[in-house]
Protein backbone atom coordinates (compact mmCIF):
# COMPACT_ATOMS: atom_id res chain seq x y z
CA MET A 1 0.01 0.02 -0.02
CA LYS A 2 2.82 2.38 0.86
CA LYS A 3 4.43 1.72 -2.54
CA ILE A 4 1.27 2.51 -4.32
CA CYS A 5 0.82 5.75 -2.38
CA LEU A 6 4.41 6.76 -3.07
CA LEU A 7 4.00 6.07 -6.80
CA LEU A 8 0.75 8.04 -7.02
CA GLY A 9 2.25 10.89 -5.00
CA ILE A 10 5.24 11.13 -7.30
CA THR A 11 2.99 10.98 -10.33
CA LEU A 12 0.89 13.87 -9.03
CA LEU A 13 3.96 16.02 -8.17
CA LEU A 14 5.45 15.60 -11.63
CA GLN A 15 2.50 17.10 -13.47
CA SER A 16 3.58 19.97 -15.76
CA CYS A 17 2.15 23.45 -15.76
CA TYR A 18 3.22 23.82 -19.38
CA SER A 19 1.42 22.91 -22.63
CA TYR A 20 3.31 22.34 -25.81
CA LYS A 21 1.82 23.31 -29.19
CA LYS A 22 3.25 22.00 -32.49
CA VAL A 23 4.95 24.77 -34.56
CA GLU A 24 6.65 25.07 -37.87
CA VAL A 25 10.44 24.90 -37.68
CA ASN A 26 11.27 28.34 -39.08
CA PRO A 27 13.85 30.54 -37.43
CA LYS A 28 12.02 33.66 -38.62
CA THR A 29 8.96 32.82 -36.55
CA MET A 30 10.68 31.32 -33.52
CA VAL A 31 10.70 33.52 -30.44
CA LEU A 32 14.05 34.39 -28.82
CA GLY A 33 14.28 32.96 -25.24
CA GLN A 34 11.21 30.70 -25.76
CA THR A 35 11.39 27.08 -24.63
CA TYR A 36 10.82 24.42 -27.34
CA LYS A 37 10.77 20.67 -27.40
CA ILE A 38 12.80 19.70 -30.51
CA GLU A 39 12.65 16.24 -31.96
CA ARG A 40 15.51 14.91 -33.97
CA ASN A 41 16.86 11.34 -34.59
CA HIS A 42 13.87 10.03 -32.63
CA LYS A 43 14.94 11.86 -29.53
CA THR A 44 13.24 14.83 -27.91
CA SER A 45 15.13 17.64 -26.24
CA LYS A 46 13.90 20.60 -24.27
CA VAL A 47 15.83 23.62 -25.43
CA VAL A 48 15.73 27.39 -25.30
CA TYR A 49 16.01 29.19 -28.63
CA THR A 50 18.86 31.84 -28.71
CA SER A 51 19.58 32.61 -32.41
CA ASN A 52 19.92 31.19 -35.85
CA ALA A 53 22.84 30.57 -38.18
CA ASP A 54 23.03 29.71 -41.93
CA SER A 55 20.82 26.67 -42.03
CA ALA A 56 20.62 25.84 -38.32
CA ILE A 57 19.38 27.21 -34.99
CA ILE A 58 21.41 27.96 -31.96
CA VAL A 59 19.86 26.72 -28.67
CA LEU A 60 20.69 26.29 -25.04
CA LYS A 61 20.36 22.73 -23.81
CA HIS A 62 21.14 22.19 -20.13
CA GLY A 63 22.99 25.47 -20.09
CA VAL A 64 25.25 24.52 -23.01
CA GLU A 65 24.99 26.24 -26.40
CA GLU A 66 24.28 23.78 -29.21
CA ARG A 67 23.88 24.19 -32.94
CA ILE A 68 21.09 22.09 -34.51
CA PRO A 69 20.88 21.85 -38.31
CA LEU A 70 17.31 22.54 -39.61
CA LYS A 71 17.41 19.36 -41.73
CA ASP A 72 17.83 17.24 -38.59
CA ILE A 73 14.71 18.57 -36.92
CA THR A 74 11.64 16.40 -37.46
CA SER A 75 9.21 18.35 -35.22
CA ALA A 76 9.15 21.29 -32.81
CA ARG A 77 6.69 22.17 -30.01
CA GLU A 78 6.49 25.57 -28.34
CA GLY A 79 6.05 25.67 -24.65
CA LYS A 80 3.39 27.92 -23.14
CA PHE A 81 2.59 28.37 -19.46
CA SER A 82 -0.91 27.03 -18.83
CA LEU A 83 -2.73 28.81 -16.04
CA ALA A 84 -5.65 26.39 -16.32
CA LYS A 85 -3.35 23.43 -15.72
CA THR A 86 -1.73 25.15 -12.85
CA LEU A 87 -5.02 26.11 -11.16
CA VAL A 88 -6.36 22.53 -11.55
CA TRP A 89 -3.25 20.43 -10.78
CA VAL A 90 -1.92 22.30 -7.68
CA PRO A 91 -5.14 21.82 -5.56
CA VAL A 92 -5.64 18.33 -6.93
CA THR A 93 -2.14 17.35 -6.08
CA ILE A 94 -2.44 18.73 -2.56
CA ILE A 95 -5.81 17.06 -1.91
CA GLY A 96 -4.59 13.86 -3.49
CA LEU A 97 -1.43 13.64 -1.41
CA THR A 98 -3.35 14.47 1.77
CA VAL A 99 -5.81 11.66 1.13
CA LEU A 100 -3.05 9.28 0.22
CA PHE A 101 -1.13 10.14 3.36
CA ILE A 102 -4.17 9.72 5.62
CA TYR A 103 -5.30 6.37 4.16
CA GLY A 104 -1.79 5.19 3.29
CA THR A 105 -0.55 5.38 6.87
CA GLY A 106 -3.46 3.82 8.60
CA ASP A 107 -3.57 0.19 9.69
CA TYR A 108 -6.88 -1.37 8.61
CA ASP A 109 -8.01 -4.91 9.46
CA SER A 110 -9.72 -6.82 6.74
CA GLU A 111 -11.96 -8.49 9.28
């Protein structure tokens, strides 16, 4: 029971307050400083767009500047802060963890 409560608690805590919308990979329309999820070679990376070069974009990935050729990018999604998700998930998480804590720590007999 404790393992289930722990797993559900971690799941609730890891909910994101951001929504990602698919966008066209075009350096002219990409917003400087915006967070994007870039997919290339079947791997997704969360990056911050900083500038563009000849046929590539320059991004920050884990604080390190990286050059990604446009031809390698299969899809891009733009991150937007979602107030609705935040207003729903924060109270749900608090209530859910409280309920899990109350019922997860009690000793109940099956008789």
